[in-house]
């Protein structure tokens, strides 16, 4: 009996060890690109092609350059404004739209949700020409509002789908009790549904922010100057001292600076994000 217990313990220990090693390998594989970007941003131009995991000499000249670059600062601020407004507008629209989709039964309700789900699968280039004509019609080319409008085509369908599924999981008895107490639809949505939907709001809002922050194709097509240009395009337009020089260090330094806000947001809201991603799967 003791031999069987010992054998079971050894098997369990071996499985846990294999699982731990697999997690470490996956973590190292996922984090290494970011580590390499940090290391590369701290190298001097002469060490551009060095493959040392730890640089022999460290310099912060690349960071000094990008922080003193007015165009990069303007692009960074544009990204903050555009991504924040996109996330806020997406959440407001989807909260107002998800409530009737989840609680009201009307003709075409399922088709609306299916269309929203299908739109999320479209490649950005498929809607590029139509968006360009729309932006030209409204005369907002090279404006932040053009990017917000374009990004909402990406963020609204997914957020609407997630919000509707979460609202479907809220018991109807809660809403009926509120109606019996004289609560209006606005009060039900803001005072009852919204606190329950906090994990979904944080998760979808952050995903919308990240999508707008990282988007490149629309930002490149619909902007022309630093007035509305965002950081992905600004980084792509970095140039070296000559036309044959690749400013690899500057690109890596700018990439690190742009990535850090996203890392901070994920760390701050990680519990909300995890509960938001898992709660929907537990709804029966």
C-alpha atoms as a PDB file:
ATOM      1  CA  UNK A   1       0.000   0.000   0.000  1.00  0.00           C
ATOM      2  CA  UNK A   2       2.842   2.356   0.855  1.00  0.00           C
ATOM      3  CA  UNK A   3       4.496   1.536  -2.459  1.00  0.00           C
ATOM      4  CA  UNK A   4       1.319   2.505  -4.289  1.00  0.00           C
ATOM      5  CA  UNK A   5       1.088   5.759  -2.335  1.00  0.00           C
ATOM      6  CA  UNK A   6       4.724   6.577  -3.063  1.00  0.00           C
ATOM      7  CA  UNK A   7       4.274   5.783  -6.746  1.00  0.00           C
ATOM      8  CA  UNK A   8       1.196   8.035  -6.892  1.00  0.00           C
ATOM      9  CA  UNK A   9       3.126  10.854  -5.169  1.00  0.00           C
ATOM     10  CA  UNK A  10       6.017  10.489  -7.617  1.00  0.00           C
ATOM     11  CA  UNK A  11       3.623  10.609 -10.584  1.00  0.00           C
ATOM     12  CA  UNK A  12       1.909  13.682  -9.189  1.00  0.00           C
ATOM     13  CA  UNK A  13       5.255  15.376  -8.539  1.00  0.00           C
ATOM     14  CA  UNK A  14       6.426  14.534 -12.082  1.00  0.00           C
ATOM     15  CA  UNK A  15       3.223  15.991 -13.589  1.00  0.00           C
ATOM     16  CA  UNK A  16       3.532  19.177 -11.537  1.00  0.00           C
ATOM     17  CA  UNK A  17       7.204  19.494 -12.494  1.00  0.00           C
ATOM     18  CA  UNK A  18       6.424  19.047 -16.200  1.00  0.00           C
ATOM     19  CA  UNK A  19       3.609  21.597 -15.928  1.00  0.00           C
ATOM     20  CA  UNK A  20       5.924  24.088 -14.176  1.00  0.00           C
ATOM     21  CA  UNK A  21       8.653  23.645 -16.780  1.00  0.00           C
ATOM     22  CA  UNK A  22       6.116  24.085 -19.592  1.00  0.00           C
ATOM     23  CA  UNK A  23       4.820  27.295 -17.989  1.00  0.00           C
ATOM     24  CA  UNK A  24       8.358  28.645 -17.638  1.00  0.00           C
ATOM     25  CA  UNK A  25       9.142  27.856 -21.285  1.00  0.00           C
ATOM     26  CA  UNK A  26       5.944  29.556 -22.469  1.00  0.00           C
ATOM     27  CA  UNK A  27       6.613  32.590 -20.247  1.00  0.00           C
ATOM     28  CA  UNK A  28      10.199  32.866 -21.491  1.00  0.00           C
ATOM     29  CA  UNK A  29       9.060  32.510 -25.106  1.00  0.00           C
ATOM     30  CA  UNK A  30       6.410  35.217 -24.632  1.00  0.00           C
ATOM     31  CA  UNK A  31       8.551  37.690 -22.682  1.00  0.00           C
ATOM     32  CA  UNK A  32      11.797  37.335 -24.650  1.00  0.00           C
ATOM     33  CA  UNK A  33      10.759  39.685 -27.523  1.00  0.00           C
ATOM     34  CA  UNK A  34      10.001  42.450 -25.022  1.00  0.00           C
ATOM     35  CA  UNK A  35      13.261  41.772 -23.175  1.00  0.00           C
ATOM     36  CA  UNK A  36      15.164  41.926 -26.467  1.00  0.00           C
ATOM     37  CA  UNK A  37      13.471  45.213 -27.335  1.00  0.00           C
ATOM     38  CA  UNK A  38      14.595  46.694 -23.989  1.00  0.00           C
ATOM     39  CA  UNK A  39      18.142  45.400 -24.445  1.00  0.00           C
ATOM     40  CA  UNK A  40      18.323  46.673 -28.037  1.00  0.00           C
ATOM     41  CA  UNK A  41      17.049  50.104 -26.980  1.00  0.00           C
ATOM     42  CA  UNK A  42      19.967  50.370 -24.538  1.00  0.00           C
ATOM     43  CA  UNK A  43      22.663  49.485 -27.073  1.00  0.00           C
ATOM     44  CA  UNK A  44      24.877  51.997 -28.808  1.00  0.00           C
ATOM     45  CA  UNK A  45      24.681  52.330 -32.589  1.00  0.00           C
ATOM     46  CA  UNK A  46      27.979  50.479 -32.925  1.00  0.00           C
ATOM     47  CA  UNK A  47      26.433  47.407 -31.232  1.00  0.00           C
ATOM     48  CA  UNK A  48      23.479  47.240 -33.623  1.00  0.00           C
ATOM     49  CA  UNK A  49      24.185  43.671 -34.771  1.00  0.00           C
ATOM     50  CA  UNK A  50      25.359  42.335 -31.411  1.00  0.00           C
ATOM     51  CA  UNK A  51      23.662  39.132 -30.249  1.00  0.00           C
ATOM     52  CA  UNK A  52      24.728  39.321 -26.596  1.00  0.00           C
ATOM     53  CA  UNK A  53      21.817  38.737 -24.224  1.00  0.00           C
ATOM     54  CA  UNK A  54      23.365  41.286 -21.856  1.00  0.00           C
ATOM     55  CA  UNK A  55      24.818  44.376 -23.558  1.00  0.00           C
ATOM     56  CA  UNK A  56      28.475  45.108 -22.832  1.00  0.00           C
ATOM     57  CA  UNK A  57      27.749  48.842 -22.624  1.00  0.00           C
ATOM     58  CA  UNK A  58      24.484  50.622 -21.841  1.00  0.00           C
ATOM     59  CA  UNK A  59      23.377  53.985 -23.168  1.00  0.00           C
ATOM     60  CA  UNK A  60      20.134  55.951 -22.818  1.00  0.00           C
ATOM     61  CA  UNK A  61      20.783  58.177 -25.827  1.00  0.00           C
ATOM     62  CA  UNK A  62      17.926  56.541 -27.751  1.00  0.00           C
ATOM     63  CA  UNK A  63      15.459  57.427 -24.988  1.00  0.00           C
ATOM     64  CA  UNK A  64      16.807  60.981 -24.762  1.00  0.00           C
ATOM     65  CA  UNK A  65      16.272  61.392 -28.484  1.00  0.00           C
ATOM     66  CA  UNK A  66      12.647  60.206 -28.561  1.00  0.00           C
ATOM     67  CA  UNK A  67      11.697  62.214 -25.456  1.00  0.00           C
ATOM     68  CA  UNK A  68      13.187  65.329 -27.047  1.00  0.00           C
ATOM     69  CA  UNK A  69      11.474  64.625 -30.359  1.00  0.00           C
ATOM     70  CA  UNK A  70       8.405  66.882 -30.561  1.00  0.00           C
ATOM     71  CA  UNK A  71       6.786  64.829 -33.314  1.00  0.00           C
ATOM     72  CA  UNK A  72       6.957  61.652 -31.224  1.00  0.00           C
ATOM     73  CA  UNK A  73       5.512  63.466 -28.208  1.00  0.00           C
ATOM     74  CA  UNK A  74       2.645  64.812 -30.302  1.00  0.00           C
ATOM     75  CA  UNK A  75       1.978  61.361 -31.755  1.00  0.00           C
ATOM     76  CA  UNK A  76       2.029  59.794 -28.290  1.00  0.00           C
ATOM     77  CA  UNK A  77      -0.535  62.303 -27.033  1.00  0.00           C
ATOM     78  CA  UNK A  78      -2.673  61.700 -30.127  1.00  0.00           C
ATOM     79  CA  UNK A  79      -2.658  57.978 -29.380  1.00  0.00           C
ATOM     80  CA  UNK A  80      -3.725  58.608 -25.774  1.00  0.00           C
ATOM     81  CA  UNK A  81      -6.624  60.829 -26.856  1.00  0.00           C
ATOM     82  CA  UNK A  82      -7.781  58.640 -29.743  1.00  0.00           C
ATOM     83  CA  UNK A  83      -7.555  55.339 -27.838  1.00  0.00           C
ATOM     84  CA  UNK A  84      -9.287  56.748 -24.742  1.00  0.00           C
ATOM     85  CA  UNK A  85     -12.139  58.364 -26.665  1.00  0.00           C
ATOM     86  CA  UNK A  86     -12.557  55.252 -28.804  1.00  0.00           C
ATOM     87  CA  UNK A  87     -12.850  53.044 -25.714  1.00  0.00           C
ATOM     88  CA  UNK A  88     -15.299  55.417 -23.990  1.00  0.00           C
ATOM     89  CA  UNK A  89     -17.490  55.884 -27.063  1.00  0.00           C
ATOM     90  CA  UNK A  90     -17.487  52.133 -27.704  1.00  0.00           C
ATOM     91  CA  UNK A  91     -18.563  51.330 -24.140  1.00  0.00           C
ATOM     92  CA  UNK A  92     -21.347  53.928 -24.112  1.00  0.00           C
ATOM     93  CA  UNK A  93     -22.780  52.830 -27.463  1.00  0.00           C
ATOM     94  CA  UNK A  94     -22.541  49.122 -26.677  1.00  0.00           C
ATOM     95  CA  UNK A  95     -24.068  49.451 -23.206  1.00  0.00           C
ATOM     96  CA  UNK A  96     -27.052  51.301 -24.653  1.00  0.00           C
ATOM     97  CA  UNK A  97     -27.375  48.847 -27.550  1.00  0.00           C
ATOM     98  CA  UNK A  98     -26.761  45.637 -25.586  1.00  0.00           C
ATOM     99  CA  UNK A  99     -29.629  46.278 -23.164  1.00  0.00           C
ATOM    100  CA  UNK A 100     -32.461  46.029 -25.741  1.00  0.00           C
ATOM    101  CA  UNK A 101     -30.653  43.216 -27.554  1.00  0.00           C
ATOM    102  CA  UNK A 102     -30.438  41.212 -24.336  1.00  0.00           C
ATOM    103  CA  UNK A 103     -33.834  42.031 -22.821  1.00  0.00           C
ATOM    104  CA  UNK A 104     -36.180  42.750 -25.729  1.00  0.00           C
ATOM    105  CA  UNK A 105     -37.450  40.191 -28.221  1.00  0.00           C
ATOM    106  CA  UNK A 106     -37.923  41.708 -31.667  1.00  0.00           C
ATOM    107  CA  UNK A 107     -37.643  40.607 -35.270  1.00  0.00           C
ATOM    108  CA  UNK A 108     -34.048  40.565 -36.489  1.00  0.00           C
ATOM    109  CA  UNK A 109     -32.467  40.509 -33.029  1.00  0.00           C
ATOM    110  CA  UNK A 110     -30.375  37.406 -33.709  1.00  0.00           C
ATOM    111  CA  UNK A 111     -29.425  38.744 -37.139  1.00  0.00           C
ATOM    112  CA  UNK A 112     -28.031  41.908 -35.557  1.00  0.00           C
ATOM    113  CA  UNK A 113     -25.835  39.826 -33.248  1.00  0.00           C
ATOM    114  CA  UNK A 114     -24.727  37.558 -36.087  1.00  0.00           C
ATOM    115  CA  UNK A 115     -23.846  40.574 -38.255  1.00  0.00           C
ATOM    116  CA  UNK A 116     -21.841  42.046 -35.360  1.00  0.00           C
ATOM    117  CA  UNK A 117     -20.005  38.741 -34.969  1.00  0.00           C
ATOM    118  CA  UNK A 118     -19.309  38.502 -38.709  1.00  0.00           C
ATOM    119  CA  UNK A 119     -17.976  42.076 -38.854  1.00  0.00           C
ATOM    120  CA  UNK A 120     -15.302  41.163 -36.288  1.00  0.00           C
ATOM    121  CA  UNK A 121     -13.856  38.662 -38.781  1.00  0.00           C
ATOM    122  CA  UNK A 122     -13.441  41.179 -41.618  1.00  0.00           C
ATOM    123  CA  UNK A 123      -9.862  42.237 -42.396  1.00  0.00           C
ATOM    124  CA  UNK A 124      -9.210  45.940 -42.026  1.00  0.00           C
ATOM    125  CA  UNK A 125      -8.276  46.339 -45.653  1.00  0.00           C
ATOM    126  CA  UNK A 126     -11.766  45.155 -46.690  1.00  0.00           C
ATOM    127  CA  UNK A 127     -13.382  48.297 -45.272  1.00  0.00           C
ATOM    128  CA  UNK A 128     -10.540  50.687 -46.018  1.00  0.00           C
ATOM    129  CA  UNK A 129     -11.893  52.197 -49.242  1.00  0.00           C
ATOM    130  CA  UNK A 130     -15.420  52.595 -47.866  1.00  0.00           C
ATOM    131  CA  UNK A 131     -14.114  54.284 -44.736  1.00  0.00           C
ATOM    132  CA  UNK A 132     -11.943  56.598 -46.812  1.00  0.00           C
ATOM    133  CA  UNK A 133     -14.969  57.753 -48.830  1.00  0.00           C
ATOM    134  CA  UNK A 134     -16.964  58.285 -45.617  1.00  0.00           C
ATOM    135  CA  UNK A 135     -14.174  60.309 -44.031  1.00  0.00           C
ATOM    136  CA  UNK A 136     -13.769  62.384 -47.166  1.00  0.00           C
ATOM    137  CA  UNK A 137     -17.543  63.013 -47.248  1.00  0.00           C
ATOM    138  CA  UNK A 138     -17.520  64.311 -43.655  1.00  0.00           C
ATOM    139  CA  UNK A 139     -14.348  66.313 -44.378  1.00  0.00           C
ATOM    140  CA  UNK A 140     -12.462  64.957 -41.347  1.00  0.00           C
ATOM    141  CA  UNK A 141      -9.354  63.672 -43.095  1.00  0.00           C
ATOM    142  CA  UNK A 142      -6.210  64.119 -40.970  1.00  0.00           C
ATOM    143  CA  UNK A 143      -8.356  64.622 -37.851  1.00  0.00           C
ATOM    144  CA  UNK A 144      -8.486  62.566 -34.660  1.00  0.00           C
ATOM    145  CA  UNK A 145     -12.235  62.125 -35.171  1.00  0.00           C
ATOM    146  CA  UNK A 146     -11.513  60.214 -38.389  1.00  0.00           C
ATOM    147  CA  UNK A 147      -9.438  57.668 -36.485  1.00  0.00           C
ATOM    148  CA  UNK A 148     -12.030  57.358 -33.701  1.00  0.00           C
ATOM    149  CA  UNK A 149     -14.759  56.696 -36.282  1.00  0.00           C
ATOM    150  CA  UNK A 150     -12.588  54.132 -38.054  1.00  0.00           C
ATOM    151  CA  UNK A 151     -11.527  52.346 -34.875  1.00  0.00           C
ATOM    152  CA  UNK A 152     -15.104  52.035 -33.632  1.00  0.00           C
ATOM    153  CA  UNK A 153     -15.860  49.850 -36.637  1.00  0.00           C
ATOM    154  CA  UNK A 154     -13.326  47.433 -35.139  1.00  0.00           C
ATOM    155  CA  UNK A 155     -14.229  47.756 -31.465  1.00  0.00           C
ATOM    156  CA  UNK A 156     -18.034  48.118 -31.420  1.00  0.00           C
ATOM    157  CA  UNK A 157     -19.060  44.714 -32.896  1.00  0.00           C
ATOM    158  CA  UNK A 158     -16.934  42.656 -30.503  1.00  0.00           C
ATOM    159  CA  UNK A 159     -17.870  44.765 -27.475  1.00  0.00           C
ATOM    160  CA  UNK A 160     -21.566  44.609 -28.390  1.00  0.00           C
ATOM    161  CA  UNK A 161     -21.432  40.819 -28.630  1.00  0.00           C
ATOM    162  CA  UNK A 162     -19.701  40.444 -25.257  1.00  0.00           C
ATOM    163  CA  UNK A 163     -21.969  42.945 -23.476  1.00  0.00           C
ATOM    164  CA  UNK A 164     -25.109  41.274 -24.810  1.00  0.00           C
ATOM    165  CA  UNK A 165     -23.949  37.857 -23.618  1.00  0.00           C
ATOM    166  CA  UNK A 166     -23.170  39.233 -20.167  1.00  0.00           C
ATOM    167  CA  UNK A 167     -26.568  40.925 -19.883  1.00  0.00           C
ATOM    168  CA  UNK A 168     -28.262  37.694 -20.903  1.00  0.00           C
ATOM    169  CA  UNK A 169     -26.637  36.087 -17.859  1.00  0.00           C
ATOM    170  CA  UNK A 170     -28.181  38.569 -15.394  1.00  0.00           C
ATOM    171  CA  UNK A 171     -31.347  37.075 -13.808  1.00  0.00           C
ATOM    172  CA  UNK A 172     -34.533  38.703 -15.078  1.00  0.00           C
ATOM    173  CA  UNK A 173     -36.014  38.629 -11.567  1.00  0.00           C
ATOM    174  CA  UNK A 174     -33.637  41.439 -10.548  1.00  0.00           C
ATOM    175  CA  UNK A 175     -34.892  43.649 -13.349  1.00  0.00           C
ATOM    176  CA  UNK A 176     -38.546  42.771 -12.672  1.00  0.00           C
ATOM    177  CA  UNK A 177     -38.151  43.636  -8.989  1.00  0.00           C
ATOM    178  CA  UNK A 178     -36.638  47.003  -9.924  1.00  0.00           C
ATOM    179  CA  UNK A 179     -39.511  47.722 -12.312  1.00  0.00           C
ATOM    180  CA  UNK A 180     -42.008  46.883  -9.567  1.00  0.00           C
ATOM    181  CA  UNK A 181     -40.247  49.435  -7.346  1.00  0.00           C
ATOM    182  CA  UNK A 182     -40.709  52.086 -10.038  1.00  0.00           C
ATOM    183  CA  UNK A 183     -37.191  52.120 -11.483  1.00  0.00           C
ATOM    184  CA  UNK A 184     -36.833  53.440 -15.023  1.00  0.00           C
ATOM    185  CA  UNK A 185     -34.829  51.711 -17.741  1.00  0.00           C
ATOM    186  CA  UNK A 186     -32.026  54.215 -17.237  1.00  0.00           C
ATOM    187  CA  UNK A 187     -31.885  53.489 -13.506  1.00  0.00           C
ATOM    188  CA  UNK A 188     -31.910  49.735 -14.162  1.00  0.00           C
ATOM    189  CA  UNK A 189     -29.050  50.024 -16.637  1.00  0.00           C
ATOM    190  CA  UNK A 190     -26.861  52.376 -14.582  1.00  0.00           C
ATOM    191  CA  UNK A 191     -27.647  51.345 -10.994  1.00  0.00           C
ATOM    192  CA  UNK A 192     -28.296  47.608 -11.347  1.00  0.00           C
ATOM    193  CA  UNK A 193     -26.709  46.293 -14.522  1.00  0.00           C
ATOM    194  CA  UNK A 194     -23.572  48.440 -14.622  1.00  0.00           C
ATOM    195  CA  UNK A 195     -22.133  47.313 -11.240  1.00  0.00           C
ATOM    196  CA  UNK A 196     -22.658  43.680 -12.262  1.00  0.00           C
ATOM    197  CA  UNK A 197     -21.078  44.341 -15.643  1.00  0.00           C
ATOM    198  CA  UNK A 198     -17.876  45.922 -14.265  1.00  0.00           C
ATOM    199  CA  UNK A 199     -15.642  42.963 -15.254  1.00  0.00           C
ATOM    200  CA  UNK A 200     -17.065  42.991 -18.787  1.00  0.00           C
ATOM    201  CA  UNK A 201     -16.792  46.795 -19.021  1.00  0.00           C
ATOM    202  CA  UNK A 202     -13.147  46.785 -17.899  1.00  0.00           C
ATOM    203  CA  UNK A 203     -12.224  43.871 -20.160  1.00  0.00           C
ATOM    204  CA  UNK A 204     -13.897  45.153 -23.325  1.00  0.00           C
ATOM    205  CA  UNK A 205     -12.854  48.744 -22.629  1.00  0.00           C
ATOM    206  CA  UNK A 206      -9.222  47.736 -22.251  1.00  0.00           C
ATOM    207  CA  UNK A 207      -9.347  45.563 -25.367  1.00  0.00           C
ATOM    208  CA  UNK A 208     -10.860  48.470 -27.306  1.00  0.00           C
ATOM    209  CA  UNK A 209      -8.132  50.773 -25.973  1.00  0.00           C
ATOM    210  CA  UNK A 210      -5.389  48.323 -26.973  1.00  0.00           C
ATOM    211  CA  UNK A 211      -6.898  47.828 -30.444  1.00  0.00           C
ATOM    212  CA  UNK A 212      -6.975  51.594 -31.045  1.00  0.00           C
ATOM    213  CA  UNK A 213      -3.521  52.071 -29.515  1.00  0.00           C
ATOM    214  CA  UNK A 214      -1.830  49.472 -31.725  1.00  0.00           C
ATOM    215  CA  UNK A 215      -3.731  50.030 -34.996  1.00  0.00           C
ATOM    216  CA  UNK A 216      -1.499  50.997 -37.908  1.00  0.00           C
ATOM    217  CA  UNK A 217      -3.297  50.698 -41.277  1.00  0.00           C
ATOM    218  CA  UNK A 218      -6.111  53.198 -40.636  1.00  0.00           C
ATOM    219  CA  UNK A 219      -3.721  55.611 -38.888  1.00  0.00           C
ATOM    220  CA  UNK A 220      -1.378  55.510 -41.874  1.00  0.00           C
ATOM    221  CA  UNK A 221      -4.201  55.982 -44.413  1.00  0.00           C
ATOM    222  CA  UNK A 222      -6.304  58.646 -42.696  1.00  0.00           C
ATOM    223  CA  UNK A 223      -3.561  60.913 -41.318  1.00  0.00           C
ATOM    224  CA  UNK A 224      -0.991  63.028 -43.088  1.00  0.00           C
ATOM    225  CA  UNK A 225       0.706  65.218 -40.469  1.00  0.00           C
ATOM    226  CA  UNK A 226       1.541  65.178 -36.760  1.00  0.00           C
ATOM    227  CA  UNK A 227      -1.798  66.869 -36.084  1.00  0.00           C
ATOM    228  CA  UNK A 228      -3.491  63.455 -35.879  1.00  0.00           C
ATOM    229  CA  UNK A 229      -0.730  60.907 -36.487  1.00  0.00           C
ATOM    230  CA  UNK A 230      -0.461  58.181 -33.816  1.00  0.00           C
ATOM    231  CA  UNK A 231       2.616  56.447 -32.434  1.00  0.00           C
ATOM    232  CA  UNK A 232       2.604  53.295 -34.623  1.00  0.00           C
ATOM    233  CA  UNK A 233       2.877  55.476 -37.724  1.00  0.00           C
ATOM    234  CA  UNK A 234       5.347  57.826 -36.043  1.00  0.00           C
ATOM    235  CA  UNK A 235       7.643  54.896 -35.191  1.00  0.00           C
ATOM    236  CA  UNK A 236       7.416  53.555 -38.736  1.00  0.00           C
ATOM    237  CA  UNK A 237       8.531  56.946 -40.076  1.00  0.00           C
ATOM    238  CA  UNK A 238      11.693  57.126 -37.966  1.00  0.00           C
ATOM    239  CA  UNK A 239      14.722  57.763 -40.150  1.00  0.00           C
ATOM    240  CA  UNK A 240      18.445  57.446 -39.534  1.00  0.00           C
ATOM    241  CA  UNK A 241      21.278  59.861 -40.142  1.00  0.00           C
ATOM    242  CA  UNK A 242      21.355  58.735 -43.781  1.00  0.00           C
ATOM    243  CA  UNK A 243      18.901  57.061 -46.125  1.00  0.00           C
ATOM    244  CA  UNK A 244      20.705  53.728 -45.730  1.00  0.00           C
ATOM    245  CA  UNK A 245      20.755  53.727 -41.920  1.00  0.00           C
ATOM    246  CA  UNK A 246      18.079  51.873 -39.971  1.00  0.00           C
ATOM    247  CA  UNK A 247      17.468  53.587 -36.588  1.00  0.00           C
ATOM    248  CA  UNK A 248      16.989  50.247 -34.860  1.00  0.00           C
ATOM    249  CA  UNK A 249      17.807  51.584 -31.391  1.00  0.00           C
ATOM    250  CA  UNK A 250      15.334  54.457 -31.703  1.00  0.00           C
ATOM    251  CA  UNK A 251      12.594  52.117 -32.933  1.00  0.00           C
ATOM    252  CA  UNK A 252      13.155  49.747 -30.019  1.00  0.00           C
ATOM    253  CA  UNK A 253      13.229  52.591 -27.473  1.00  0.00           C
ATOM    254  CA  UNK A 254       9.983  54.030 -28.848  1.00  0.00           C
ATOM    255  CA  UNK A 255       8.394  50.568 -28.869  1.00  0.00           C
ATOM    256  CA  UNK A 256       9.277  50.077 -25.196  1.00  0.00           C
ATOM    257  CA  UNK A 257       7.825  53.471 -24.264  1.00  0.00           C
ATOM    258  CA  UNK A 258       4.631  52.743 -26.203  1.00  0.00           C
ATOM    259  CA  UNK A 259       4.243  49.256 -24.719  1.00  0.00           C
ATOM    260  CA  UNK A 260       4.731  50.239 -21.075  1.00  0.00           C
ATOM    261  CA  UNK A 261       1.327  51.990 -20.664  1.00  0.00           C
ATOM    262  CA  UNK A 262      -0.424  48.828 -21.870  1.00  0.00           C
ATOM    263  CA  UNK A 263       1.573  46.671 -19.463  1.00  0.00           C
ATOM    264  CA  UNK A 264       0.700  49.000 -16.574  1.00  0.00           C
ATOM    265  CA  UNK A 265      -3.014  48.936 -17.470  1.00  0.00           C
ATOM    266  CA  UNK A 266      -3.065  45.132 -17.674  1.00  0.00           C
ATOM    267  CA  UNK A 267      -1.266  44.811 -14.320  1.00  0.00           C
ATOM    268  CA  UNK A 268      -3.667  47.254 -12.625  1.00  0.00           C
ATOM    269  CA  UNK A 269      -6.836  45.654 -14.000  1.00  0.00           C
ATOM    270  CA  UNK A 270      -5.663  42.040 -14.224  1.00  0.00           C
ATOM    271  CA  UNK A 271      -8.232  40.725 -11.746  1.00  0.00           C
ATOM    272  CA  UNK A 272     -11.091  42.480 -13.528  1.00  0.00           C
ATOM    273  CA  UNK A 273      -9.827  41.226 -16.869  1.00  0.00           C
ATOM    274  CA  UNK A 274      -9.584  37.601 -15.698  1.00  0.00           C
ATOM    275  CA  UNK A 275     -13.037  37.687 -14.128  1.00  0.00           C
ATOM    276  CA  UNK A 276     -14.438  39.360 -17.226  1.00  0.00           C
ATOM    277  CA  UNK A 277     -12.958  36.753 -19.554  1.00  0.00           C
ATOM    278  CA  UNK A 278     -14.033  33.783 -17.430  1.00  0.00           C
ATOM    279  CA  UNK A 279     -17.435  34.901 -16.137  1.00  0.00           C
ATOM    280  CA  UNK A 280     -19.047  34.686 -19.563  1.00  0.00           C
ATOM    281  CA  UNK A 281     -17.943  31.078 -19.953  1.00  0.00           C
ATOM    282  CA  UNK A 282     -19.555  30.140 -16.642  1.00  0.00           C
ATOM    283  CA  UNK A 283     -22.976  31.447 -17.532  1.00  0.00           C
ATOM    284  CA  UNK A 284     -25.325  28.527 -17.979  1.00  0.00           C
END
